Amino acid sequence: MKEISPQLQNQIAQYQQLQQQLQVLASQRVQLEAKLREIEGTLEELGKVADGTPIYKSIGMLLVRQDDREGLRNELEEHKETLTIRVKSLQKQEKSLSERYEQLGEKIQQALGGGPTAPSGG
């Protein structure tokens, strides 16, 4: 087996770092998507509640009566918009890192003498 050059060792380390970054981004995205679904569900339920029904908002360990329904709806809509932007941003970062990860993986395979990782058509 041939010796692994310092350059290849560096590429392997970068490859592992990219893999870890991808895992962190995916975890963050999943958490934000869950929050986004929760807000969407809250907005949906808020639309179903009759006007006379009291509504409460959770603030830490407290439930506080919320009389300003429109203000609450606006707050939830803004939070939803912010989360949507953050999710899209994470998706772009994931895509970019994933492409770099795949390219680096192919370079490492070629350097190790494995050739291309994808089967060639033919």
N, C-alpha and C. Protein backbone atom coordinates (compact mmCIF):
# COMPACT_ATOMS: atom_id res chain seq x y z
N MET A 1 0.84 -1.18 0.00
CA MET A 1 0.00 0.00 0.00
C MET A 1 0.88 1.23 0.00
N LYS A 2 0.51 2.21 -0.84
CA LYS A 2 1.37 3.38 -0.92
C LYS A 2 1.14 4.32 0.24
N GLU A 3 2.16 5.12 0.51
CA GLU A 3 2.15 6.07 1.62
C GLU A 3 1.15 7.21 1.34
N ILE A 4 0.47 7.65 2.36
CA ILE A 4 -0.48 8.76 2.22
C ILE A 4 0.28 10.07 2.43
N SER A 5 0.21 10.93 1.43
CA SER A 5 0.93 12.21 1.48
C SER A 5 0.29 13.15 2.49
N PRO A 6 1.06 14.13 2.98
CA PRO A 6 0.49 15.13 3.89
C PRO A 6 -0.70 15.88 3.25
N GLN A 7 -0.63 16.11 1.96
CA GLN A 7 -1.72 16.79 1.26
C GLN A 7 -3.00 15.94 1.31
N LEU A 8 -2.85 14.64 1.08
CA LEU A 8 -4.00 13.74 1.12
C LEU A 8 -4.53 13.62 2.55
N GLN A 9 -3.64 13.58 3.53
CA GLN A 9 -4.08 13.55 4.92
C GLN A 9 -4.90 14.80 5.25
N ASN A 10 -4.45 15.95 4.73
CA ASN A 10 -5.17 17.20 4.94
C ASN A 10 -6.55 17.13 4.29
N GLN A 11 -6.62 16.58 3.08
CA GLN A 11 -7.90 16.45 2.39
C GLN A 11 -8.85 15.53 3.15
N ILE A 12 -8.33 14.46 3.71
CA ILE A 12 -9.14 13.53 4.49
C ILE A 12 -9.67 14.24 5.74
N ALA A 13 -8.83 15.04 6.38
CA ALA A 13 -9.27 15.79 7.57
C ALA A 13 -10.37 16.79 7.18
N GLN A 14 -10.20 17.46 6.05
CA GLN A 14 -11.23 18.39 5.57
C GLN A 14 -12.53 17.65 5.27
N TYR A 15 -12.39 16.48 4.70
CA TYR A 15 -13.55 15.65 4.36
C TYR A 15 -14.34 15.30 5.63
N GLN A 16 -13.62 14.93 6.67
CA GLN A 16 -14.27 14.59 7.94
C GLN A 16 -14.93 15.82 8.56
N GLN A 17 -14.27 16.99 8.46
CA GLN A 17 -14.85 18.22 8.98
C GLN A 17 -16.13 18.58 8.23
N LEU A 18 -16.10 18.42 6.91
CA LEU A 18 -17.30 18.70 6.11
C LEU A 18 -18.44 17.78 6.52
N GLN A 19 -18.12 16.53 6.77
CA GLN A 19 -19.14 15.58 7.19
C GLN A 19 -19.77 16.01 8.52
N GLN A 20 -18.94 16.45 9.46
CA GLN A 20 -19.45 16.92 10.75
C GLN A 20 -20.31 18.17 10.58
N GLN A 21 -19.85 19.09 9.73
CA GLN A 21 -20.61 20.33 9.49
C GLN A 21 -21.96 20.01 8.86
N LEU A 22 -21.97 19.06 7.95
CA LEU A 22 -23.23 18.66 7.33
C LEU A 22 -24.19 18.09 8.36
N GLN A 23 -23.68 17.29 9.28
CA GLN A 23 -24.53 16.72 10.32
C GLN A 23 -25.10 17.80 11.23
N VAL A 24 -24.29 18.80 11.57
CA VAL A 24 -24.74 19.90 12.42
C VAL A 24 -25.81 20.71 11.70
N LEU A 25 -25.56 21.03 10.42
CA LEU A 25 -26.54 21.80 9.65
C LEU A 25 -27.86 21.04 9.51
N ALA A 26 -27.77 19.75 9.25
CA ALA A 26 -28.98 18.95 9.09
C ALA A 26 -29.77 18.94 10.40
N SER A 27 -29.08 18.82 11.51
CA SER A 27 -29.74 18.81 12.82
C SER A 27 -30.43 20.15 13.08
N GLN A 28 -29.73 21.25 12.78
CA GLN A 28 -30.32 22.58 12.96
C GLN A 28 -31.54 22.76 12.07
N ARG A 29 -31.43 22.31 10.83
CA ARG A 29 -32.54 22.45 9.88
C ARG A 29 -33.76 21.67 10.37
N VAL A 30 -33.55 20.47 10.84
CA VAL A 30 -34.66 19.64 11.33
C VAL A 30 -35.34 20.31 12.52
N GLN A 31 -34.55 20.89 13.43
CA GLN A 31 -35.12 21.58 14.59
C GLN A 31 -35.94 22.79 14.15
N LEU A 32 -35.41 23.57 13.21
CA LEU A 32 -36.13 24.75 12.74
C LEU A 32 -37.40 24.37 11.98
N GLU A 33 -37.32 23.30 11.21
CA GLU A 33 -38.51 22.84 10.49
C GLU A 33 -39.60 22.40 11.46
N ALA A 34 -39.20 21.79 12.57
CA ALA A 34 -40.18 21.38 13.59
C ALA A 34 -40.84 22.61 14.21
N LYS A 35 -40.04 23.64 14.51
CA LYS A 35 -40.60 24.87 15.06
C LYS A 35 -41.54 25.53 14.05
N LEU A 36 -41.14 25.48 12.79
CA LEU A 36 -41.96 26.08 11.73
C LEU A 36 -43.31 25.37 11.64
N ARG A 37 -43.31 24.04 11.69
CA ARG A 37 -44.56 23.28 11.66
C ARG A 37 -45.42 23.61 12.88
N GLU A 38 -44.78 23.79 14.03
CA GLU A 38 -45.51 24.13 15.25
C GLU A 38 -46.19 25.49 15.10
N ILE A 39 -45.49 26.45 14.55
CA ILE A 39 -46.07 27.79 14.36
C ILE A 39 -47.21 27.73 13.34
N GLU A 40 -47.01 26.97 12.27
CA GLU A 40 -48.07 26.84 11.27
C GLU A 40 -49.32 26.22 11.89
N GLY A 41 -49.13 25.21 12.73
CA GLY A 41 -50.25 24.57 13.42
C GLY A 41 -50.93 25.54 14.39
N THR A 42 -50.13 26.34 15.06
CA THR A 42 -50.68 27.33 15.99
C THR A 42 -51.51 28.35 15.25
N LEU A 43 -51.00 28.83 14.12
CA LEU A 43 -51.75 29.80 13.31
C LEU A 43 -53.07 29.19 12.82
N GLU A 44 -53.00 27.93 12.44
CA GLU A 44 -54.21 27.25 11.97
C GLU A 44 -55.25 27.16 13.09
N GLU A 45 -54.80 26.77 14.27
CA GLU A 45 -55.72 26.65 15.41
C GLU A 45 -56.24 28.02 15.83
N LEU A 46 -55.40 29.03 15.76
CA LEU A 46 -55.83 30.39 16.11
C LEU A 46 -56.97 30.85 15.20
N GLY A 47 -56.91 30.43 13.95
CA GLY A 47 -57.97 30.77 13.01
C GLY A 47 -59.28 30.07 13.32
N LYS A 48 -59.23 28.95 14.02
CA LYS A 48 -60.43 28.17 14.33
C LYS A 48 -61.13 28.62 15.62
N VAL A 49 -60.40 29.32 16.47
CA VAL A 49 -60.92 29.70 17.78
C VAL A 49 -61.92 30.84 17.63
N ALA A 50 -63.07 30.71 18.30
CA ALA A 50 -64.11 31.75 18.25
C ALA A 50 -63.61 33.03 18.92
N ASP A 51 -64.16 34.16 18.48
CA ASP A 51 -63.71 35.46 18.95
C ASP A 51 -63.80 35.63 20.47
N GLY A 52 -64.82 35.09 21.10
CA GLY A 52 -65.00 35.27 22.54
C GLY A 52 -64.13 34.38 23.39
N THR A 53 -63.49 33.40 22.79
CA THR A 53 -62.68 32.44 23.55
C THR A 53 -61.36 33.08 23.99
N PRO A 54 -61.03 33.00 25.29
CA PRO A 54 -59.75 33.57 25.74
C PRO A 54 -58.57 32.78 25.17
N ILE A 55 -57.52 33.51 24.84
CA ILE A 55 -56.31 32.89 24.29
C ILE A 55 -55.16 33.22 25.24
N TYR A 56 -54.29 32.24 25.46
CA TYR A 56 -53.16 32.42 26.35
C TYR A 56 -51.87 32.17 25.58
N LYS A 57 -50.85 32.92 25.95
CA LYS A 57 -49.54 32.80 25.32
C LYS A 57 -48.56 32.32 26.38
N SER A 58 -47.75 31.34 26.03
CA SER A 58 -46.75 30.81 26.95
C SER A 58 -45.51 31.70 26.91
N ILE A 59 -45.14 32.19 28.11
CA ILE A 59 -43.92 32.98 28.25
C ILE A 59 -43.12 32.31 29.35
N GLY A 60 -42.15 31.52 28.96
CA GLY A 60 -41.38 30.76 29.95
C GLY A 60 -42.29 29.78 30.66
N MET A 61 -42.39 29.91 31.96
CA MET A 61 -43.20 29.01 32.77
C MET A 61 -44.61 29.57 33.00
N LEU A 62 -44.91 30.75 32.41
CA LEU A 62 -46.20 31.39 32.63
C LEU A 62 -47.09 31.29 31.40
N LEU A 63 -48.40 31.26 31.66
CA LEU A 63 -49.38 31.44 30.59
C LEU A 63 -50.02 32.80 30.82
N VAL A 64 -49.92 33.66 29.80
CA VAL A 64 -50.44 35.01 29.92
C VAL A 64 -51.58 35.18 28.95
N ARG A 65 -52.68 35.75 29.45
CA ARG A 65 -53.83 35.98 28.58
C ARG A 65 -53.44 36.98 27.49
N GLN A 66 -53.82 36.67 26.28
CA GLN A 66 -53.49 37.49 25.11
C GLN A 66 -54.79 38.00 24.51
N ASP A 67 -55.10 39.26 24.75
CA ASP A 67 -56.34 39.84 24.22
C ASP A 67 -56.17 40.38 22.80
N ASP A 68 -54.94 40.72 22.43
CA ASP A 68 -54.68 41.27 21.10
C ASP A 68 -54.41 40.12 20.12
N ARG A 69 -55.48 39.56 19.58
CA ARG A 69 -55.36 38.42 18.67
C ARG A 69 -54.58 38.79 17.40
N GLU A 70 -54.87 39.97 16.87
CA GLU A 70 -54.21 40.37 15.63
C GLU A 70 -52.71 40.57 15.88
N GLY A 71 -52.37 41.13 17.03
CA GLY A 71 -50.96 41.29 17.39
C GLY A 71 -50.28 39.94 17.52
N LEU A 72 -50.97 38.99 18.14
CA LEU A 72 -50.43 37.64 18.28
C LEU A 72 -50.26 36.98 16.92
N ARG A 73 -51.27 37.13 16.07
CA ARG A 73 -51.19 36.56 14.72
C ARG A 73 -50.00 37.16 13.96
N ASN A 74 -49.83 38.48 14.05
CA ASN A 74 -48.72 39.15 13.37
C ASN A 74 -47.38 38.67 13.90
N GLU A 75 -47.31 38.51 15.22
CA GLU A 75 -46.07 38.02 15.84
C GLU A 75 -45.74 36.62 15.33
N LEU A 76 -46.74 35.76 15.27
CA LEU A 76 -46.53 34.39 14.78
C LEU A 76 -46.14 34.39 13.30
N GLU A 77 -46.79 35.24 12.51
CA GLU A 77 -46.47 35.32 11.08
C GLU A 77 -45.03 35.79 10.86
N GLU A 78 -44.60 36.78 11.65
CA GLU A 78 -43.22 37.27 11.54
C GLU A 78 -42.23 36.17 11.93
N HIS A 79 -42.55 35.46 13.00
CA HIS A 79 -41.68 34.37 13.45
C HIS A 79 -41.62 33.27 12.38
N LYS A 80 -42.76 32.99 11.78
CA LYS A 80 -42.82 31.99 10.71
C LYS A 80 -41.94 32.42 9.53
N GLU A 81 -42.04 33.69 9.16
CA GLU A 81 -41.25 34.20 8.03
C GLU A 81 -39.75 34.12 8.34
N THR A 82 -39.38 34.49 9.56
CA THR A 82 -37.97 34.42 9.97
C THR A 82 -37.46 32.98 9.91
N LEU A 83 -38.25 32.05 10.44
CA LEU A 83 -37.84 30.64 10.43
C LEU A 83 -37.75 30.11 9.01
N THR A 84 -38.67 30.51 8.15
CA THR A 84 -38.64 30.06 6.76
C THR A 84 -37.35 30.52 6.08
N ILE A 85 -36.97 31.76 6.33
CA ILE A 85 -35.73 32.28 5.75
C ILE A 85 -34.52 31.51 6.28
N ARG A 86 -34.51 31.25 7.58
CA ARG A 86 -33.39 30.51 8.18
C ARG A 86 -33.32 29.09 7.64
N VAL A 87 -34.46 28.44 7.46
CA VAL A 87 -34.48 27.07 6.92
C VAL A 87 -33.92 27.08 5.50
N LYS A 88 -34.36 28.04 4.68
CA LYS A 88 -33.87 28.12 3.30
C LYS A 88 -32.37 28.37 3.27
N SER A 89 -31.90 29.21 4.17
CA SER A 89 -30.47 29.50 4.26
C SER A 89 -29.69 28.23 4.62
N LEU A 90 -30.20 27.48 5.59
CA LEU A 90 -29.54 26.23 5.98
C LEU A 90 -29.55 25.22 4.84
N GLN A 91 -30.65 25.18 4.08
CA GLN A 91 -30.73 24.26 2.94
C GLN A 91 -29.67 24.62 1.89
N LYS A 92 -29.48 25.92 1.64
CA LYS A 92 -28.45 26.35 0.68
C LYS A 92 -27.06 25.98 1.18
N GLN A 93 -26.82 26.22 2.47
CA GLN A 93 -25.52 25.86 3.05
C GLN A 93 -25.28 24.36 2.95
N GLU A 94 -26.32 23.59 3.25
CA GLU A 94 -26.21 22.12 3.16
C GLU A 94 -25.87 21.68 1.75
N LYS A 95 -26.56 22.28 0.77
CA LYS A 95 -26.33 21.91 -0.62
C LYS A 95 -24.90 22.22 -1.03
N SER A 96 -24.44 23.41 -0.68
CA SER A 96 -23.08 23.82 -1.01
C SER A 96 -22.04 22.90 -0.35
N LEU A 97 -22.22 22.65 0.94
CA LEU A 97 -21.29 21.76 1.65
C LEU A 97 -21.34 20.35 1.11
N SER A 98 -22.52 19.89 0.75
CA SER A 98 -22.68 18.55 0.22
C SER A 98 -21.93 18.40 -1.10
N GLU A 99 -22.01 19.41 -1.94
CA GLU A 99 -21.29 19.37 -3.21
C GLU A 99 -19.79 19.33 -2.97
N ARG A 100 -19.30 20.18 -2.05
CA ARG A 100 -17.86 20.18 -1.72
C ARG A 100 -17.46 18.83 -1.14
N TYR A 101 -18.32 18.27 -0.30
CA TYR A 101 -18.06 16.99 0.33
C TYR A 101 -17.90 15.88 -0.72
N GLU A 102 -18.82 15.86 -1.69
CA GLU A 102 -18.76 14.85 -2.75
C GLU A 102 -17.53 15.03 -3.62
N GLN A 103 -17.21 16.27 -3.98
CA GLN A 103 -16.04 16.53 -4.82
C GLN A 103 -14.76 16.11 -4.10
N LEU A 104 -14.66 16.45 -2.84
CA LEU A 104 -13.48 16.09 -2.07
C LEU A 104 -13.38 14.58 -1.90
N GLY A 105 -14.52 13.93 -1.72
CA GLY A 105 -14.53 12.47 -1.62
C GLY A 105 -14.01 11.82 -2.89
N GLU A 106 -14.40 12.36 -4.04
CA GLU A 106 -13.92 11.83 -5.32
C GLU A 106 -12.42 12.03 -5.46
N LYS A 107 -11.93 13.21 -5.07
CA LYS A 107 -10.48 13.47 -5.14
C LYS A 107 -9.71 12.50 -4.27
N ILE A 108 -10.23 12.25 -3.08
CA ILE A 108 -9.56 11.33 -2.16
C ILE A 108 -9.56 9.92 -2.74
N GLN A 109 -10.68 9.49 -3.29
CA GLN A 109 -10.76 8.16 -3.91
C GLN A 109 -9.74 8.03 -5.04
N GLN A 110 -9.67 9.06 -5.87
CA GLN A 110 -8.72 9.02 -6.99
C GLN A 110 -7.28 8.98 -6.47
N ALA A 111 -6.99 9.78 -5.44
CA ALA A 111 -5.64 9.81 -4.89
C ALA A 111 -5.26 8.49 -4.25
N LEU A 112 -6.26 7.79 -3.73
CA LEU A 112 -5.98 6.48 -3.12
C LEU A 112 -5.94 5.36 -4.16
N GLY A 113 -6.17 5.73 -5.42
CA GLY A 113 -6.10 4.75 -6.49
C GLY A 113 -7.40 4.00 -6.71
N GLY A 114 -8.49 4.49 -6.11
CA GLY A 114 -9.77 3.83 -6.23
C GLY A 114 -10.51 4.19 -7.51
N GLY A 115 -10.03 5.22 -8.21
CA GLY A 115 -10.72 5.67 -9.41
C GLY A 115 -12.00 6.38 -9.04
N PRO A 116 -12.82 6.68 -10.04
CA PRO A 116 -14.08 7.38 -9.77
C PRO A 116 -15.00 6.54 -8.89
N THR A 117 -15.74 7.22 -8.02
CA THR A 117 -16.60 6.49 -7.11
C THR A 117 -17.90 6.06 -7.79
N ALA A 118 -18.33 6.79 -8.83
CA ALA A 118 -19.57 6.43 -9.53
C ALA A 118 -19.22 5.47 -10.67
N PRO A 119 -20.08 4.46 -10.88
CA PRO A 119 -19.84 3.53 -11.98
C PRO A 119 -19.97 4.27 -13.32
N SER A 120 -19.08 3.92 -14.23
CA SER A 120 -19.13 4.60 -15.53
C SER A 120 -20.13 3.89 -16.43
N GLY A 121 -20.88 4.71 -17.17
CA GLY A 121 -21.88 4.14 -18.09
C GLY A 121 -21.19 3.67 -19.35
N GLY A 122 -21.73 2.67 -19.95
CA GLY A 122 -21.02 2.36 -21.12
C GLY A 122 -21.22 1.16 -21.82
